[in-house]
Amino acid sequence: MTCETIYHTPDGFDDIILTADGGVLTGLRFTGTSVVVDTQPPTPVIRDTCRWLDIYFSGRQPDFTPVFQMDNLTPFRKRVLEMVCTIPWGRIMTYGEIAGHLGIRSAQAVGGAVGWNPICLIVPCHRVMGANGSLTGYGGGLRNKAALLRLEGAI
């Protein structure tokens, strides 16, 4: 059974919609606008994810990862997002650097895989920047991306 709820973020960030299916988190995304979500009682994975977000938004790196699952994860997306997960708290990488580490020529292809990510923050796609560290491309909005990177001390 699918469960959706809204996590209310601190000032300076859009709220976040959490989606779970059974015992796994399947979506974590910024709302970007006011939305109405049919909320049900939170499942254990939703409660764990909210605890993770509480720690994160307090300016600390969480010491656990909620159980999540990404549907339609191609082998290419998997490689890219696994690399994204290695970017440490407070650090950034460019799309081109990720492409180089993976032996891929196209930073744009990496950007497409990063942009597909359905589990923002936990899979830290906000830590990926454009060439020369430019603040580009973020499904959750550039305002949220900049605020996340400031929270982590990366910019």
Protein backbone atom coordinates (compact mmCIF):
# COMPACT_ATOMS: atom_id res chain seq x y z
CA MET A 1 0.00 0.00 0.00
CA THR A 2 1.33 3.42 -0.98
CA CYS A 3 1.55 6.06 1.73
CA GLU A 4 2.31 9.76 1.15
CA THR A 5 2.89 12.46 3.71
CA ILE A 6 4.35 15.95 3.83
CA TYR A 7 7.44 16.75 5.88
CA HIS A 8 7.44 20.38 6.94
CA THR A 9 10.95 21.77 6.51
CA PRO A 10 12.52 24.73 8.31
CA ASP A 11 12.18 28.23 6.86
CA GLY A 12 14.14 28.69 3.65
CA PHE A 13 13.19 25.33 2.14
CA ASP A 14 10.11 24.04 0.35
CA ASP A 15 8.30 21.23 2.16
CA ILE A 16 9.01 17.64 1.15
CA ILE A 17 6.66 14.88 0.01
CA LEU A 18 7.57 11.42 1.29
CA THR A 19 6.22 8.37 -0.51
CA ALA A 20 6.48 4.82 0.80
CA ASP A 21 5.26 1.52 -0.53
CA GLY A 22 5.09 -1.11 2.14
CA GLY A 23 8.30 -1.04 4.14
CA VAL A 24 10.43 1.02 1.73
CA LEU A 25 10.73 4.68 0.87
CA THR A 26 10.06 5.18 -2.84
CA GLY A 27 10.05 8.96 -3.14
CA LEU A 28 11.43 12.02 -1.41
CA ARG A 29 10.95 15.27 -3.31
CA PHE A 30 10.46 18.96 -2.67
CA THR A 31 6.91 20.16 -3.23
CA GLY A 32 7.87 23.35 -5.06
CA THR A 33 4.29 24.56 -4.59
CA SER A 34 1.45 24.16 -2.17
CA VAL A 35 0.01 20.70 -2.59
CA VAL A 36 -2.59 18.60 -0.90
CA VAL A 37 -1.48 15.09 -0.07
CA ASP A 38 -3.81 12.38 1.15
CA THR A 39 -1.89 11.48 4.27
CA GLN A 40 -2.33 8.21 6.09
CA PRO A 41 -0.85 7.26 9.44
CA PRO A 42 2.94 7.19 8.99
CA THR A 43 4.55 3.83 8.38
CA PRO A 44 7.78 2.85 10.15
CA VAL A 45 9.88 3.85 7.11
CA ILE A 46 8.13 7.25 6.96
CA ARG A 47 8.86 7.76 10.67
CA ASP A 48 12.52 6.75 10.11
CA THR A 49 12.79 9.13 7.16
CA CYS A 50 11.28 11.99 9.17
CA ARG A 51 13.83 11.32 11.92
CA TRP A 52 16.60 11.33 9.25
CA LEU A 53 15.28 14.67 7.93
CA ASP A 54 15.09 16.14 11.45
CA ILE A 55 18.76 15.33 11.96
CA TYR A 56 19.72 16.58 8.50
CA PHE A 57 17.89 19.91 8.83
CA SER A 58 19.44 20.45 12.27
CA GLY A 59 22.75 20.74 10.39
CA ARG A 60 24.11 17.31 11.24
CA GLN A 61 24.88 14.35 9.04
CA PRO A 62 22.51 11.46 9.86
CA ASP A 63 24.25 8.26 10.94
CA PHE A 64 21.72 5.92 9.32
CA THR A 65 19.90 5.61 6.01
CA PRO A 66 16.20 4.85 5.74
CA VAL A 67 15.37 1.78 3.65
CA PHE A 68 14.57 2.94 0.12
CA GLN A 69 13.90 1.46 -3.29
CA MET A 70 14.14 3.02 -6.74
CA ASP A 71 11.89 1.55 -9.39
CA ASN A 72 12.96 1.67 -13.06
CA LEU A 73 16.62 1.94 -12.08
CA THR A 74 18.63 1.21 -15.23
CA PRO A 75 22.22 -0.06 -14.93
CA PHE A 76 23.50 3.37 -16.05
CA ARG A 77 21.39 5.26 -13.51
CA LYS A 78 22.51 2.82 -10.83
CA ARG A 79 26.20 3.47 -11.56
CA VAL A 80 25.71 7.24 -11.54
CA LEU A 81 23.60 7.34 -8.39
CA GLU A 82 25.98 5.00 -6.57
CA MET A 83 28.74 7.51 -7.36
CA VAL A 84 26.55 10.37 -6.14
CA CYS A 85 26.10 8.52 -2.84
CA THR A 86 29.88 8.63 -2.31
CA ILE A 87 30.00 12.44 -2.29
CA PRO A 88 30.65 13.33 1.35
CA TRP A 89 28.61 15.76 3.44
CA GLY A 90 29.72 19.31 2.69
CA ARG A 91 31.48 18.42 -0.57
CA ILE A 92 30.51 18.77 -4.21
CA MET A 93 31.39 17.11 -7.50
CA THR A 94 30.66 18.23 -11.04
CA TYR A 95 28.74 16.23 -13.60
CA GLY A 96 31.98 16.06 -15.60
CA GLU A 97 33.95 14.69 -12.64
CA ILE A 98 31.38 11.95 -12.14
CA ALA A 99 31.51 11.15 -15.86
CA GLY A 100 35.31 10.92 -15.67
CA HIS A 101 35.24 8.62 -12.64
CA LEU A 102 32.79 6.33 -14.43
CA GLY A 103 34.65 6.40 -17.76
CA ILE A 104 31.76 8.16 -19.48
CA ARG A 105 32.30 10.94 -21.99
CA SER A 106 29.01 12.77 -21.55
CA ALA A 107 28.45 14.99 -18.53
CA GLN A 108 24.95 15.55 -19.97
CA ALA A 109 24.16 11.84 -19.72
CA VAL A 110 25.29 11.95 -16.09
CA GLY A 111 23.04 14.99 -15.60
CA GLY A 112 20.08 13.06 -16.95
CA ALA A 113 20.68 10.20 -14.54
CA VAL A 114 21.19 12.56 -11.59
CA GLY A 115 18.04 14.49 -12.52
CA TRP A 116 16.03 11.27 -12.56
CA ASN A 117 16.77 10.58 -8.86
CA PRO A 118 13.47 10.02 -6.99
CA ILE A 119 15.06 10.05 -3.50
CA CYS A 120 16.57 13.52 -3.07
CA LEU A 121 18.76 14.35 -0.07
CA ILE A 122 19.30 10.72 0.92
CA VAL A 123 20.78 10.18 -2.55
CA PRO A 124 22.50 13.59 -2.47
CA CYS A 125 22.04 14.84 -6.01
CA HIS A 126 22.12 18.41 -4.64
CA ARG A 127 25.89 17.93 -4.24
CA VAL A 128 26.39 17.72 -8.00
CA MET A 129 27.29 20.97 -9.72
CA GLY A 130 27.87 22.23 -13.23
CA ALA A 131 31.25 22.91 -14.77
CA ASN A 132 33.48 25.17 -12.66
CA GLY A 133 31.20 24.58 -9.68
CA SER A 134 28.26 26.48 -11.16
CA LEU A 135 24.91 26.00 -9.47
CA THR A 136 22.83 24.30 -12.15
CA GLY A 137 20.05 21.79 -12.50
CA TYR A 138 18.11 20.56 -9.53
CA GLY A 139 14.64 19.04 -9.68
CA GLY A 140 13.89 20.48 -6.26
CA GLY A 141 14.68 24.02 -7.43
CA LEU A 142 17.91 25.98 -7.36
CA ARG A 143 16.81 27.91 -4.25
CA ASN A 144 16.55 24.63 -2.31
CA LYS A 145 19.84 23.35 -3.78
CA ALA A 146 21.71 26.47 -2.67
CA ALA A 147 20.12 26.33 0.79
CA LEU A 148 21.05 22.64 1.18
CA LEU A 149 24.65 23.31 0.19
CA ARG A 150 24.83 26.24 2.63
CA LEU A 151 23.39 24.02 5.39
CA GLU A 152 26.17 21.49 4.71
CA GLY A 153 28.85 24.21 4.47
CA ALA A 154 29.69 23.35 0.85
CA ILE A 155 29.10 26.92 -0.35
